[in-house]
Amino acid sequence: MDSLLATVEHRLLTPGGLAASDLERVFNQLMGPGIDAADLYFQHSRSESWHLEEGIVKDGSHSIEQGVGVRAMAGEKTGFAYSDEIVLPQLLEASRAARAIARDGKGAGQPLALRASRSLYPAIDPVDSLPNSEKIALLREVDAYARARDPRVRQVMVSLAATVDTVLIAASDGTLAADVRPLVRVNVQVIVESNGRREQGYAGGGGRYSYGELLANGRALGFAAEAVRQALVNLEAVDAPAGTMPVVLGPGWPGVMLHEAVGHGLEGDFNRKGSSAFAGRIGEQVAARGVTVVDDGTLPGRRGSLTIDDEGTPSQCTTLIEDGILKGYMQDKLNARLMGVAATGNGRRESFTHLPMPRMTNTYMLAGERDPEEIIRSVKRGLYAVNFGGGQVDITSGKFVFSASEAYLVEDGKIVCPVKGATLVGSGPEAMGRISMIGNDLALDDGIGVCGKDGQSVPVGVGQPTLRIDGMTVGGTAS
């Protein structure tokens, strides 16, 4: 941990003539009468992206951003200022501005002490983990591979991206924590055409590791094959039925519905303010028996994982729902303090220019005991949804609408044909209560999740086993 702190200090503080010991001076100005708590969030972010379309590398970008966010809190009031210059005069100016906004508290800062935490990913810069010539060659290889899979492939778009975030967090509760966060991702989108009909497929993945691990064992080509498969399935799809019916959700990425329809409603800020459908329901049954949902930021190398959150709190595995009973919420420091509970390591922010708030990391439902094939066999007539596109959720009511990007009609326990235009309509609490079968095939997504909240985007993970949900409303296109 000491070597990690040295690396982070060298990247963030040394160029501006600062050291960790200088932060005490900033807190002396931030704290004292009028302020309950305060923190500093230093960030250096380096990223790149490559994009190939129509066999041509059309875009290649590289960017570096750095700065510091200064926050002061008094009760529910928050003062926040930031600077893209990490030097002492700007730090002191930002601290004066933040304190002026958030007066009326009481408290004093604690001496800074380095917080040790376990490492969930290597402290590397993935941008430099592969020569640029090999990145371009990979894009072209994936393009050629996808086109060779089927003569109906008309267009292929491939992108490759990497980021490394170096962060240092100092807080008035004595927290001093550092992290280096690599993140890589590859995406493949394919458009196919037959008899004048065009459909598309999409696949991709990534995590907190190097390009080498991302691309090992032909993984990028596997995503290309999956994108082509999806597109060809959609080419054969018929109009989806409409009505109330049982719906089987596949494992892995369909957990995005759980993330949106239930996960956001379990974030601390919505529940402290009473605006969530789950507010005030700790200890109540909010889902069917057998349903257990966790938010786990401790999974090594996963896209949504964090060694520490953006307030310096070590990430953890938080049980949200256990056997259908609501056990707790995801908390950052502010909402945890105001609700009289412990922070859960879910304080996240997009960058140093944003305030932290309670956010998910990797949110998933634990496996049950049913065989997935048994679940499908149990359906007389219904829908089997394997992949999802976009969706909308109302946090207050829990109502959602999701579009299925790959779905099948099930009749008499057998998958009959692919369908297009299927949407799932309902509310999170109601859908959770109608889960009647839980598969033994828990899977996490491949590493593509991006979560938006209050204008901020952060990487996340989702997952679930195969599920049967009874009595769901399906909006379809069949006449």
Protein backbone atom coordinates (compact mmCIF):
# COMPACT_ATOMS: atom_id res chain seq x y z
CA MET A 1 0.00 0.00 0.00
CA ASP A 2 2.90 2.37 0.76
CA SER A 3 4.29 1.82 -2.75
CA LEU A 4 0.85 2.46 -4.24
CA LEU A 5 0.56 5.71 -2.26
CA ALA A 6 4.03 6.72 -3.47
CA THR A 7 2.97 6.08 -7.09
CA VAL A 8 -0.24 8.07 -6.64
CA GLU A 9 1.53 10.97 -4.90
CA HIS A 10 4.12 11.08 -7.71
CA ARG A 11 1.39 11.24 -10.36
CA LEU A 12 -1.01 13.61 -8.59
CA LEU A 13 0.79 15.77 -6.03
CA THR A 14 4.49 15.97 -6.93
CA PRO A 15 4.03 17.84 -10.27
CA GLY A 16 2.32 20.70 -8.36
CA GLY A 17 4.93 20.77 -5.62
CA LEU A 18 2.60 19.12 -3.09
CA ALA A 19 2.95 16.25 -0.65
CA ALA A 20 0.38 14.40 1.46
CA SER A 21 1.54 16.41 4.49
CA ASP A 22 0.32 19.62 2.81
CA LEU A 23 -3.25 18.35 2.95
CA GLU A 24 -3.41 19.01 6.70
CA ARG A 25 -3.14 22.73 5.94
CA VAL A 26 -6.13 22.52 3.61
CA PHE A 27 -8.21 20.73 6.24
CA ASN A 28 -7.25 23.32 8.84
CA GLN A 29 -8.97 25.86 6.61
CA LEU A 30 -11.92 23.60 5.69
CA MET A 31 -12.79 22.35 9.16
CA GLY A 32 -13.61 23.90 12.50
CA PRO A 33 -16.83 25.61 13.60
CA GLY A 34 -19.51 25.38 10.93
CA ILE A 35 -18.49 22.16 9.16
CA ASP A 36 -19.41 18.54 10.00
CA ALA A 37 -17.22 16.77 7.47
CA ALA A 38 -15.05 17.48 4.44
CA ASP A 39 -12.98 15.67 1.85
CA LEU A 40 -10.56 16.14 -1.03
CA TYR A 41 -10.72 14.01 -4.18
CA PHE A 42 -7.66 14.11 -6.44
CA GLN A 43 -7.89 12.46 -9.85
CA HIS A 44 -5.64 11.95 -12.86
CA SER A 45 -7.38 10.24 -15.78
CA ARG A 46 -5.75 9.03 -19.00
CA SER A 47 -7.89 7.42 -21.69
CA GLU A 48 -7.91 6.37 -25.32
CA SER A 49 -10.41 5.01 -27.81
CA TRP A 50 -10.17 3.51 -31.30
CA HIS A 51 -13.08 3.05 -33.70
CA LEU A 52 -13.24 1.13 -36.97
CA GLU A 53 -16.13 1.37 -39.43
CA GLU A 54 -16.44 0.19 -43.05
CA GLY A 55 -12.99 -1.36 -42.75
CA ILE A 56 -11.39 1.99 -41.93
CA VAL A 57 -10.06 3.24 -38.61
CA LYS A 58 -12.17 6.41 -38.48
CA ASP A 59 -11.36 7.65 -35.02
CA GLY A 60 -8.49 7.46 -32.59
CA SER A 61 -8.42 9.69 -29.53
CA HIS A 62 -6.25 10.18 -26.47
CA SER A 63 -6.97 12.45 -23.53
CA ILE A 64 -5.58 13.37 -20.12
CA GLU A 65 -7.60 15.13 -17.43
CA GLN A 66 -6.71 15.94 -13.85
CA GLY A 67 -7.93 18.00 -10.95
CA VAL A 68 -9.22 18.05 -7.41
CA GLY A 69 -12.72 18.32 -5.95
CA VAL A 70 -13.17 19.90 -2.50
CA ARG A 71 -16.33 19.18 -0.49
CA ALA A 72 -17.56 20.55 2.83
CA MET A 73 -20.74 19.30 4.55
CA ALA A 74 -22.94 20.78 7.26
CA GLY A 75 -26.04 18.73 8.00
CA GLU A 76 -27.75 18.15 4.66
CA LYS A 77 -25.99 21.12 3.08
CA THR A 78 -22.98 20.54 0.85
CA GLY A 79 -20.47 23.04 -0.47
CA PHE A 80 -18.40 21.91 -3.44
CA ALA A 81 -15.69 23.46 -5.57
CA TYR A 82 -13.08 22.01 -7.92
CA SER A 83 -9.94 23.00 -9.75
CA ASP A 84 -8.07 21.46 -12.66
CA GLU A 85 -4.83 22.77 -11.14
CA ILE A 86 -3.44 20.64 -8.33
CA VAL A 87 -1.41 23.31 -6.54
CA LEU A 88 -1.73 24.66 -3.01
CA PRO A 89 -3.14 28.14 -3.85
CA GLN A 90 -6.00 26.63 -5.86
CA LEU A 91 -6.64 24.02 -3.17
CA LEU A 92 -6.94 26.71 -0.51
CA GLU A 93 -9.19 28.84 -2.73
CA ALA A 94 -11.48 25.87 -3.47
CA SER A 95 -11.64 25.00 0.24
CA ARG A 96 -12.68 28.56 1.10
CA ALA A 97 -15.45 28.42 -1.52
CA ALA A 98 -16.72 25.02 -0.36
CA ARG A 99 -16.73 26.06 3.30
CA ALA A 100 -18.58 29.30 2.55
CA ILE A 101 -21.45 27.36 0.97
CA ALA A 102 -21.83 24.75 3.73
CA ARG A 103 -21.75 26.55 7.06
CA ASP A 104 -23.85 25.74 10.15
CA GLY A 105 -22.32 22.48 11.32
CA LYS A 106 -19.97 21.47 14.08
CA GLY A 107 -16.94 19.30 14.04
CA ALA A 108 -13.20 19.01 13.72
CA GLY A 109 -10.95 17.02 11.45
CA GLN A 110 -8.97 13.93 12.47
CA PRO A 111 -5.28 13.36 11.65
CA LEU A 112 -4.84 11.66 8.29
CA ALA A 113 -3.93 7.98 8.44
CA LEU A 114 -3.28 5.73 5.47
CA ARG A 115 -6.11 3.25 4.99
CA ALA A 116 -4.96 -0.18 3.84
CA SER A 117 -7.19 -2.21 1.50
CA ARG A 118 -6.93 -5.39 -0.53
CA SER A 119 -6.08 -5.12 -4.21
CA LEU A 120 -8.75 -6.25 -6.68
CA TYR A 121 -6.90 -5.34 -9.88
CA PRO A 122 -3.35 -4.50 -11.00
CA ALA A 123 -2.13 -0.91 -10.64
CA ILE A 124 -1.27 -0.65 -14.35
CA ASP A 125 -1.82 1.76 -17.23
CA PRO A 126 -3.63 -0.37 -19.85
CA VAL A 127 -3.20 2.32 -22.52
CA ASP A 128 0.47 1.32 -22.74
CA SER A 129 -0.16 -2.42 -22.46
CA LEU A 130 -0.40 -2.92 -26.25
CA PRO A 131 1.38 -1.11 -29.12
CA ASN A 132 -0.87 1.10 -31.25
CA SER A 133 -0.04 -0.91 -34.36
CA GLU A 134 -1.39 -4.05 -32.69
CA LYS A 135 -4.58 -2.24 -31.61
CA ILE A 136 -5.27 -1.23 -35.21
CA ALA A 137 -4.42 -4.72 -36.46
CA LEU A 138 -6.89 -6.18 -33.95
CA LEU A 139 -9.71 -3.90 -35.13
CA ARG A 140 -9.12 -5.02 -38.71
CA GLU A 141 -8.92 -8.68 -37.72
CA VAL A 142 -12.25 -8.50 -35.88
CA ASP A 143 -13.84 -6.71 -38.87
CA ALA A 144 -12.62 -9.36 -41.32
CA TYR A 145 -13.66 -12.21 -39.02
CA ALA A 146 -17.19 -10.86 -38.61
CA ARG A 147 -17.64 -10.38 -42.35
CA ALA A 148 -16.39 -13.89 -43.04
CA ARG A 149 -18.98 -15.40 -40.67
CA ASP A 150 -21.89 -14.86 -43.07
CA PRO A 151 -22.38 -13.26 -46.51
CA ARG A 152 -25.35 -11.30 -45.17
CA VAL A 153 -23.08 -9.15 -43.00
CA ARG A 154 -23.18 -5.64 -44.47
CA GLN A 155 -21.53 -3.46 -41.86
CA VAL A 156 -19.18 -3.99 -38.93
CA MET A 157 -18.24 -1.42 -36.28
CA VAL A 158 -15.49 -2.26 -33.79
CA SER A 159 -14.22 -0.12 -30.94
CA LEU A 160 -11.44 -0.52 -28.40
CA ALA A 161 -11.04 1.67 -25.33
CA ALA A 162 -8.86 1.94 -22.23
CA THR A 163 -8.72 4.22 -19.20
CA VAL A 164 -6.58 4.48 -16.10
CA ASP A 165 -7.83 6.58 -13.19
CA THR A 166 -5.39 7.49 -10.43
CA VAL A 167 -7.18 8.78 -7.33
CA LEU A 168 -6.20 10.04 -3.90
CA ILE A 169 -8.83 10.72 -1.24
CA ALA A 170 -8.28 12.59 1.99
CA ALA A 171 -11.16 13.16 4.42
CA SER A 172 -11.76 14.90 7.73
CA ASP A 173 -12.52 11.54 9.39
CA GLY A 174 -8.83 10.72 8.97
CA THR A 175 -9.17 8.75 5.74
CA LEU A 176 -6.18 8.78 3.41
CA ALA A 177 -6.66 6.30 0.57
CA ALA A 178 -5.23 5.79 -2.91
CA ASP A 179 -6.16 3.71 -5.94
CA VAL A 180 -5.05 3.09 -9.52
CA ARG A 181 -7.99 1.83 -11.61
CA PRO A 182 -7.42 0.31 -15.05
CA LEU A 183 -10.41 -0.31 -17.34
CA VAL A 184 -10.54 -1.78 -20.85
CA ARG A 185 -13.36 -2.64 -23.21
CA VAL A 186 -13.99 -3.92 -26.74
CA ASN A 187 -17.33 -3.57 -28.58
CA VAL A 188 -18.57 -5.13 -31.81
CA GLN A 189 -21.73 -4.09 -33.64
CA VAL A 190 -22.89 -5.88 -36.80
CA ILE A 191 -25.60 -5.05 -39.33
CA VAL A 192 -26.92 -7.82 -41.59
CA GLU A 193 -29.29 -7.62 -44.56
CA SER A 194 -31.43 -10.12 -46.46
CA ASN A 195 -34.22 -9.47 -48.93
CA GLY A 196 -34.28 -5.79 -48.05
CA ARG A 197 -34.55 -6.38 -44.29
CA ARG A 198 -31.78 -5.07 -42.04
CA GLU A 199 -31.12 -6.13 -38.43
CA GLN A 200 -28.29 -5.64 -35.99
CA GLY A 201 -26.45 -7.48 -33.24
CA TYR A 202 -24.12 -6.29 -30.53
CA ALA A 203 -21.56 -7.85 -28.17
CA GLY A 204 -18.63 -6.70 -26.11
CA GLY A 205 -16.89 -6.90 -22.79
CA GLY A 206 -14.06 -5.78 -20.59
CA GLY A 207 -12.87 -5.24 -17.06
CA ARG A 208 -10.13 -3.88 -14.84
CA TYR A 209 -7.05 -5.41 -16.41
CA SER A 210 -4.71 -5.05 -19.40
CA TYR A 211 -5.47 -5.29 -23.11
CA GLY A 212 -3.62 -8.60 -23.06
CA GLU A 213 -6.12 -10.16 -20.68
CA LEU A 214 -9.04 -8.62 -22.55
CA LEU A 215 -7.92 -10.09 -25.86
CA ALA A 216 -6.56 -13.45 -24.63
CA ASN A 217 -7.87 -16.72 -26.08
CA GLY A 218 -9.57 -15.04 -29.04
CA ARG A 219 -12.07 -13.26 -26.83
CA ALA A 220 -12.52 -10.33 -29.25
CA LEU A 221 -13.32 -12.74 -32.09
CA GLY A 222 -15.81 -14.44 -29.81
CA PHE A 223 -17.62 -11.13 -29.38
CA ALA A 224 -17.67 -10.72 -33.16
CA ALA A 225 -19.21 -14.18 -33.58
CA GLU A 226 -21.83 -13.37 -30.92
CA ALA A 227 -22.75 -10.06 -32.58
CA VAL A 228 -23.24 -11.84 -35.92
CA ARG A 229 -25.31 -14.57 -34.26
CA GLN A 230 -27.62 -12.02 -32.62
CA ALA A 231 -28.08 -10.11 -35.85
CA LEU A 232 -28.96 -13.27 -37.80
CA VAL A 233 -31.43 -14.35 -35.10
CA ASN A 234 -33.15 -10.98 -35.35
CA LEU A 235 -33.27 -11.36 -39.12
CA GLU A 236 -35.57 -14.37 -38.63
CA ALA A 237 -37.67 -12.82 -35.85
CA VAL A 238 -41.44 -12.45 -36.16
CA ASP A 239 -43.65 -9.86 -34.44
CA ALA A 240 -43.80 -10.31 -30.67
CA PRO A 241 -47.10 -11.21 -28.99
CA ALA A 242 -48.71 -8.82 -26.53
CA GLY A 243 -50.55 -9.47 -23.29
CA THR A 244 -50.01 -10.80 -19.78
CA MET A 245 -47.87 -13.94 -19.69
CA PRO A 246 -45.00 -15.65 -17.88
CA VAL A 247 -41.59 -14.32 -18.87
CA VAL A 248 -38.31 -16.20 -18.54
CA LEU A 249 -35.25 -13.98 -18.26
CA GLY A 250 -31.92 -15.45 -19.32
CA PRO A 251 -28.79 -15.32 -17.13
CA GLY A 252 -26.18 -12.56 -17.12
CA TRP A 253 -26.94 -9.29 -18.91
CA PRO A 254 -30.74 -9.45 -18.33
CA GLY A 255 -29.76 -8.53 -14.76
CA VAL A 256 -29.79 -4.97 -16.12
CA MET A 257 -33.53 -5.02 -15.45
CA LEU A 258 -32.81 -5.88 -11.80
CA HIS A 259 -30.23 -3.06 -11.73
CA GLU A 260 -32.67 -0.47 -13.03
CA ALA A 261 -36.02 -1.59 -11.62
CA VAL A 262 -34.77 -2.56 -8.14
CA GLY A 263 -31.15 -1.49 -7.66
CA HIS A 264 -31.63 2.27 -8.01
CA GLY A 265 -34.54 2.10 -5.59
CA LEU A 266 -32.17 0.65 -2.96
CA GLU A 267 -29.68 3.53 -3.08
CA GLY A 268 -29.46 5.45 0.19
CA ASP A 269 -30.27 8.96 -1.00
CA PHE A 270 -33.64 8.00 -2.51
CA ASN A 271 -34.58 6.17 0.69
CA ARG A 272 -33.43 8.91 3.07
CA LYS A 273 -35.61 11.36 1.17
CA GLY A 274 -38.53 8.89 1.06
CA SER A 275 -38.74 9.01 -2.74
CA SER A 276 -38.07 5.30 -3.35
CA ALA A 277 -40.72 2.59 -3.54
CA PHE A 278 -38.56 0.75 -0.95
CA ALA A 279 -38.27 3.63 1.56
CA GLY A 280 -38.95 2.65 5.17
CA ARG A 281 -39.38 -1.03 4.36
CA ILE A 282 -36.31 -2.59 6.04
CA GLY A 283 -37.33 -5.99 7.39
CA GLU A 284 -40.35 -6.29 5.12
CA GLN A 285 -40.86 -8.85 2.38
CA VAL A 286 -40.26 -7.02 -0.91
CA ALA A 287 -39.62 -10.02 -3.18
CA ALA A 288 -40.55 -13.65 -3.51
CA ARG A 289 -39.00 -16.18 -1.14
CA GLY A 290 -35.68 -17.42 -2.45
CA VAL A 291 -34.72 -14.04 -3.95
CA THR A 292 -31.39 -12.75 -2.63
CA VAL A 293 -29.81 -9.65 -4.17
CA VAL A 294 -26.35 -8.29 -3.36
CA ASP A 295 -24.18 -5.39 -4.43
CA ASP A 296 -20.58 -6.60 -4.47
CA GLY A 297 -17.72 -4.23 -5.27
CA THR A 298 -15.07 -6.79 -4.23
CA LEU A 299 -15.05 -9.10 -7.28
CA PRO A 300 -11.49 -9.14 -8.70
CA GLY A 301 -11.10 -7.53 -12.13
CA ARG A 302 -14.80 -6.84 -12.68
CA ARG A 303 -15.92 -3.68 -14.45
CA GLY A 304 -17.98 -2.43 -11.51
CA SER A 305 -15.46 -3.34 -8.80
CA LEU A 306 -13.54 -0.83 -6.68
CA THR A 307 -10.77 -1.36 -4.15
CA ILE A 308 -12.07 1.78 -2.45
CA ASP A 309 -15.04 3.93 -3.39
CA ASP A 310 -14.68 7.61 -4.28
CA GLU A 311 -14.80 8.61 -0.61
CA GLY A 312 -12.01 6.23 0.43
CA THR A 313 -14.32 3.61 1.98
CA PRO A 314 -13.29 0.03 1.15
CA SER A 315 -15.83 -1.67 -1.09
CA GLN A 316 -17.79 -4.60 0.31
CA CYS A 317 -20.47 -7.15 -0.48
CA THR A 318 -23.74 -5.65 0.75
CA THR A 319 -26.80 -7.88 1.06
CA LEU A 320 -29.77 -5.81 -0.09
CA ILE A 321 -32.51 -8.45 -0.18
CA GLU A 322 -32.22 -11.84 1.54
CA ASP A 323 -34.78 -14.58 0.90
CA GLY A 324 -37.20 -11.87 -0.19
CA ILE A 325 -36.68 -9.66 2.89
CA LEU A 326 -35.26 -6.14 2.51
CA LYS A 327 -32.06 -5.98 4.56
CA GLY A 328 -30.45 -2.64 3.73
CA TYR A 329 -29.52 0.09 1.30
CA MET A 330 -26.35 1.15 -0.51
CA GLN A 331 -24.77 4.12 1.27
CA ASP A 332 -22.22 6.85 0.78
CA LYS A 333 -20.85 8.75 3.79
CA LEU A 334 -23.28 11.68 3.67
CA ASN A 335 -26.49 9.65 3.53
CA ALA A 336 -25.13 7.06 5.97
CA ARG A 337 -24.36 9.80 8.51
CA LEU A 338 -27.78 11.39 8.11
CA MET A 339 -29.54 7.99 8.39
CA GLY A 340 -27.43 6.83 11.35
CA VAL A 341 -25.98 3.78 9.59
CA ALA A 342 -22.58 2.72 8.27
CA ALA A 343 -21.29 3.60 4.80
CA THR A 344 -21.19 0.56 2.51
CA GLY A 345 -18.49 1.64 0.04
CA ASN A 346 -20.99 2.86 -2.56
CA GLY A 347 -19.98 6.54 -2.73
CA ARG A 348 -19.18 7.07 -6.41
CA ARG A 349 -18.64 9.99 -8.77
CA GLU A 350 -17.91 10.35 -12.47
CA SER A 351 -14.91 12.64 -11.93
CA PHE A 352 -13.37 15.28 -9.67
CA THR A 353 -15.84 17.80 -11.07
CA HIS A 354 -18.81 15.87 -9.60
CA LEU A 355 -20.16 15.21 -6.13
CA PRO A 356 -20.25 11.60 -4.88
CA MET A 357 -23.59 9.88 -4.32
CA PRO A 358 -24.78 6.34 -3.54
CA ARG A 359 -24.25 4.20 -6.64
CA MET A 360 -24.19 0.50 -7.49
CA THR A 361 -21.01 -1.50 -8.23
CA ASN A 362 -21.76 -5.10 -9.32
CA THR A 363 -25.40 -5.83 -8.50
CA TYR A 364 -26.78 -9.33 -8.99
CA MET A 365 -29.22 -11.97 -7.78
CA LEU A 366 -27.85 -15.17 -6.29
CA ALA A 367 -28.55 -18.55 -7.89
CA GLY A 368 -31.40 -20.85 -6.98
CA GLU A 369 -31.72 -24.60 -7.48
CA ARG A 370 -33.78 -25.01 -10.67
CA ASP A 371 -32.38 -26.29 -13.96
CA PRO A 372 -32.76 -23.57 -16.66
CA GLU A 373 -34.28 -26.08 -19.11
CA GLU A 374 -36.83 -27.05 -16.46
CA ILE A 375 -37.82 -23.39 -16.16
CA ILE A 376 -38.45 -23.09 -19.89
CA ARG A 377 -40.34 -26.40 -19.93
CA SER A 378 -42.69 -25.04 -17.28
CA VAL A 379 -44.02 -22.30 -19.59
CA LYS A 380 -47.24 -23.08 -21.47
CA ARG A 381 -47.11 -19.88 -23.52
CA GLY A 382 -44.78 -17.00 -22.77
CA LEU A 383 -41.62 -15.09 -23.60
CA TYR A 384 -37.95 -15.99 -23.15
CA ALA A 385 -35.88 -12.78 -23.06
CA VAL A 386 -32.15 -13.30 -23.51
CA ASN A 387 -30.84 -9.78 -24.15
CA PHE A 388 -32.04 -6.27 -23.38
CA GLY A 389 -31.58 -2.90 -24.99
CA GLY A 390 -32.78 0.33 -23.42
CA GLY A 391 -35.20 0.87 -20.56
CA GLN A 392 -36.84 3.52 -18.40
CA VAL A 393 -37.63 3.43 -14.68
CA ASP A 394 -39.54 5.70 -12.29
CA ILE A 395 -37.74 5.40 -8.93
CA THR A 396 -40.71 6.62 -6.90
CA SER A 397 -43.23 4.11 -8.22
CA GLY A 398 -40.77 1.45 -9.37
CA LYS A 399 -42.52 1.26 -12.76
CA PHE A 400 -40.34 0.26 -15.71
CA VAL A 401 -40.40 -0.33 -19.47
CA PHE A 402 -37.66 -2.44 -21.06
CA SER A 403 -37.09 -3.43 -24.67
CA ALA A 404 -35.78 -6.92 -25.43
CA SER A 405 -33.10 -6.99 -28.13
CA GLU A 406 -33.23 -10.80 -28.33
CA ALA A 407 -36.31 -12.77 -27.28
CA TYR A 408 -38.17 -15.96 -28.19
CA LEU A 409 -41.74 -17.21 -28.10
CA VAL A 410 -42.21 -20.24 -25.83
CA GLU A 411 -45.13 -22.63 -26.37
CA ASP A 412 -45.76 -25.91 -24.55
CA GLY A 413 -42.36 -25.71 -22.87
CA LYS A 414 -40.40 -25.31 -26.10
CA ILE A 415 -38.67 -22.35 -27.73
CA VAL A 416 -40.63 -21.82 -30.96
CA CYS A 417 -39.12 -18.81 -32.76
CA PRO A 418 -37.37 -15.49 -32.21
CA VAL A 419 -39.57 -12.40 -31.87
CA LYS A 420 -38.92 -8.71 -32.38
CA GLY A 421 -40.34 -5.60 -30.75
CA ALA A 422 -41.02 -7.13 -27.33
CA THR A 423 -41.18 -4.78 -24.35
CA LEU A 424 -41.60 -5.67 -20.69
CA VAL A 425 -43.82 -3.37 -18.64
CA GLY A 426 -44.30 -3.49 -14.86
CA SER A 427 -42.96 -2.32 -11.51
CA GLY A 428 -39.85 -3.51 -9.74
CA PRO A 429 -41.50 -4.52 -6.44
CA GLU A 430 -44.33 -6.34 -8.24
CA ALA A 431 -41.97 -8.16 -10.61
CA MET A 432 -39.77 -9.26 -7.69
CA GLY A 433 -42.83 -10.67 -5.95
CA ARG A 434 -43.83 -12.69 -9.00
CA ILE A 435 -40.56 -14.60 -9.37
CA SER A 436 -41.63 -18.23 -9.19
CA MET A 437 -38.50 -20.12 -10.32
CA ILE A 438 -34.80 -19.29 -9.90
CA GLY A 439 -32.15 -21.07 -11.95
CA ASN A 440 -28.86 -22.55 -10.78
CA ASP A 441 -26.92 -20.79 -13.56
CA LEU A 442 -25.90 -17.42 -12.09
CA ALA A 443 -23.84 -15.43 -14.59
CA LEU A 444 -22.43 -11.92 -14.60
CA ASP A 445 -22.38 -9.76 -17.70
CA ASP A 446 -19.30 -9.60 -19.93
CA GLY A 447 -18.32 -6.13 -18.71
CA ILE A 448 -20.31 -3.58 -20.70
CA GLY A 449 -22.47 -1.83 -18.09
CA VAL A 450 -22.64 1.96 -17.82
CA CYS A 451 -24.98 3.45 -15.23
CA GLY A 452 -26.38 6.96 -15.41
CA LYS A 453 -27.74 8.95 -12.46
CA ASP A 454 -28.19 12.70 -12.09
CA GLY A 455 -26.08 13.32 -15.17
CA GLN A 456 -23.16 11.16 -14.00
CA SER A 457 -22.02 7.93 -15.67
CA VAL A 458 -19.98 5.19 -13.95
CA PRO A 459 -19.01 1.63 -14.95
CA VAL A 460 -21.07 -1.13 -13.31
CA GLY A 461 -21.69 -4.85 -13.45
CA VAL A 462 -24.97 -6.79 -13.44
CA GLY A 463 -25.96 -10.43 -13.24
CA GLN A 464 -28.57 -13.03 -12.40
CA PRO A 465 -29.52 -16.66 -13.00
CA THR A 466 -32.36 -17.71 -15.30
CA LEU A 467 -35.65 -16.50 -13.78
CA ARG A 468 -39.33 -17.14 -14.34
CA ILE A 469 -41.59 -14.16 -13.59
CA ASP A 470 -45.31 -14.82 -13.68
CA GLY A 471 -47.97 -12.46 -14.98
CA MET A 472 -45.77 -9.88 -16.67
CA THR A 473 -47.20 -7.40 -19.16
CA VAL A 474 -45.56 -7.81 -22.56
CA GLY A 475 -45.98 -5.12 -25.17
CA GLY A 476 -45.60 -6.61 -28.62
CA THR A 477 -45.93 -5.81 -32.31
CA ALA A 478 -48.13 -8.70 -33.44
CA SER A 479 -51.55 -7.62 -34.69
